[in-house]
C-alpha atoms as a PDB file:
ATOM      1  CA  MET A   1      -2.387 -14.058   3.385  1.00  0.00           C
ATOM      2  CA  SER A   2       0.145 -14.014   0.615  1.00  0.00           C
ATOM      3  CA  ASP A   3       3.664 -12.715   0.893  1.00  0.00           C
ATOM      4  CA  ILE A   4       4.325  -9.070   1.685  1.00  0.00           C
ATOM      5  CA  ILE A   5       6.229  -6.697  -0.592  1.00  0.00           C
ATOM      6  CA  GLY A   6       9.868  -6.216   0.367  1.00  0.00           C
ATOM      7  CA  THR A   7      10.991  -3.191   2.309  1.00  0.00           C
ATOM      8  CA  LYS A   8      12.885  -1.596  -0.575  1.00  0.00           C
ATOM      9  CA  LYS A   9      11.000   0.141  -3.361  1.00  0.00           C
ATOM     10  CA  THR A  10      13.324  -1.522  -5.852  1.00  0.00           C
ATOM     11  CA  GLU A  11      11.963  -4.930  -4.784  1.00  0.00           C
ATOM     12  CA  SER A  12       8.375  -4.024  -5.650  1.00  0.00           C
ATOM     13  CA  ALA A  13       6.288  -2.888  -8.569  1.00  0.00           C
ATOM     14  CA  LYS A  14       7.309   0.259 -10.412  1.00  0.00           C
ATOM     15  CA  SER A  15       5.844   3.321  -8.707  1.00  0.00           C
ATOM     16  CA  HIS A  16       3.661   4.247 -11.705  1.00  0.00           C
ATOM     17  CA  ASP A  17       1.981   0.809 -11.441  1.00  0.00           C
ATOM     18  CA  VAL A  18       1.111   1.241  -7.770  1.00  0.00           C
ATOM     19  CA  ILE A  19      -2.493   2.270  -7.097  1.00  0.00           C
ATOM     20  CA  CYS A  20      -1.440   3.532  -3.665  1.00  0.00           C
ATOM     21  CA  ASN A  21       0.256   6.540  -5.289  1.00  0.00           C
ATOM     22  CA  ASN A  22      -3.254   7.980  -5.613  1.00  0.00           C
ATOM     23  CA  CYS A  23      -4.137   7.550  -1.928  1.00  0.00           C
ATOM     24  CA  THR A  24      -3.918  10.299   0.688  1.00  0.00           C
ATOM     25  CA  HIS A  25      -2.645   7.784   3.271  1.00  0.00           C
ATOM     26  CA  PHE A  26       0.391   6.638   1.236  1.00  0.00           C
ATOM     27  CA  HIS A  27       3.793   7.583   2.741  1.00  0.00           C
ATOM     28  CA  ARG A  28       5.671   9.142  -0.143  1.00  0.00           C
ATOM     29  CA  GLU A  29       8.422  10.602   2.022  1.00  0.00           C
ATOM     30  CA  LYS A  30       9.754   7.223   3.148  1.00  0.00           C
ATOM     31  CA  HIS A  31      12.394   5.817   0.824  1.00  0.00           C
ATOM     32  CA  ASP A  32      13.193   2.600   2.688  1.00  0.00           C
ATOM     33  CA  SER A  33       9.706   1.047   2.713  1.00  0.00           C
ATOM     34  CA  ILE A  34       6.354   1.041   0.993  1.00  0.00           C
ATOM     35  CA  SER A  35       3.963   1.966   3.744  1.00  0.00           C
ATOM     36  CA  CYS A  36       0.819   3.870   4.574  1.00  0.00           C
ATOM     37  CA  ASP A  37      -1.382   4.625   7.545  1.00  0.00           C
ATOM     38  CA  ALA A  38      -3.015   1.175   7.226  1.00  0.00           C
ATOM     39  CA  PHE A  39       0.104  -0.975   6.612  1.00  0.00           C
ATOM     40  CA  ASP A  40       3.748  -0.878   7.717  1.00  0.00           C
ATOM     41  CA  ASN A  41       4.536  -2.859   4.553  1.00  0.00           C
ATOM     42  CA  ILE A  42       1.724  -2.677   2.024  1.00  0.00           C
ATOM     43  CA  PRO A  43       0.834  -6.133   0.627  1.00  0.00           C
ATOM     44  CA  LYS A  44       1.398  -6.474  -3.116  1.00  0.00           C
ATOM     45  CA  GLU A  45      -2.284  -7.298  -3.640  1.00  0.00           C
ATOM     46  CA  ILE A  46      -3.169  -3.840  -2.321  1.00  0.00           C
ATOM     47  CA  LEU A  47      -0.310  -2.099  -4.156  1.00  0.00           C
ATOM     48  CA  LEU A  48      -1.253  -3.576  -7.513  1.00  0.00           C
ATOM     49  CA  GLY A  49      -4.998  -3.225  -7.002  1.00  0.00           C
ATOM     50  CA  THR A  50      -5.830  -6.938  -7.158  1.00  0.00           C
ATOM     51  CA  VAL A  51      -7.489  -6.621  -3.737  1.00  0.00           C
ATOM     52  CA  ASP A  52      -9.966  -3.786  -3.315  1.00  0.00           C
ATOM     53  CA  HIS A  53      -9.070  -1.573  -0.367  1.00  0.00           C
ATOM     54  CA  SER A  54     -12.303   0.416  -0.160  1.00  0.00           C
ATOM     55  CA  GLU A  55     -13.106  -1.728   2.900  1.00  0.00           C
ATOM     56  CA  PRO A  56     -10.651  -2.756   5.652  1.00  0.00           C
ATOM     57  CA  VAL A  57      -8.899  -6.097   5.184  1.00  0.00           C
ATOM     58  CA  LYS A  58      -8.262  -8.408   8.129  1.00  0.00           C
ATOM     59  CA  TRP A  59      -4.455  -8.161   8.044  1.00  0.00           C
ATOM     60  CA  GLN A  60      -4.179  -4.360   8.275  1.00  0.00           C
ATOM     61  CA  LYS A  61      -3.353  -2.535  11.509  1.00  0.00           C
ATOM     62  CA  ASN A  62      -6.478  -0.320  11.667  1.00  0.00           C
ATOM     63  CA  LYS A  63      -9.624   0.524   9.672  1.00  0.00           C
ATOM     64  CA  ILE A  64      -8.141   3.096   7.279  1.00  0.00           C
ATOM     65  CA  VAL A  65      -8.987   2.448   3.613  1.00  0.00           C
ATOM     66  CA  PHE A  66      -8.049   3.861   0.203  1.00  0.00           C
ATOM     67  CA  GLU A  67      -8.953   7.545  -0.105  1.00  0.00           C
ATOM     68  CA  LEU A  68      -8.340   9.260  -3.422  1.00  0.00           C
ATOM     69  CA  LYS A  69      -5.962  12.205  -3.016  1.00  0.00           C
ATOM     70  CA  LYS A  70      -7.239  15.577  -4.147  1.00  0.00           C
END
């Protein structure tokens, strides 16, 4: 597995570049980390969409996958 995104949003991709913004499981209320129901710290490959998260990946904490918010 490659390196994980830092805990501060300022250390990661700009929020408009992050595919996770469109997911119902993304934690928007947390300002000190980039997390969701599947990851405590979302890997940059998931954030930037270079790894498809329509199926669980082996390094996540459960089987939750990307779900487009309504």
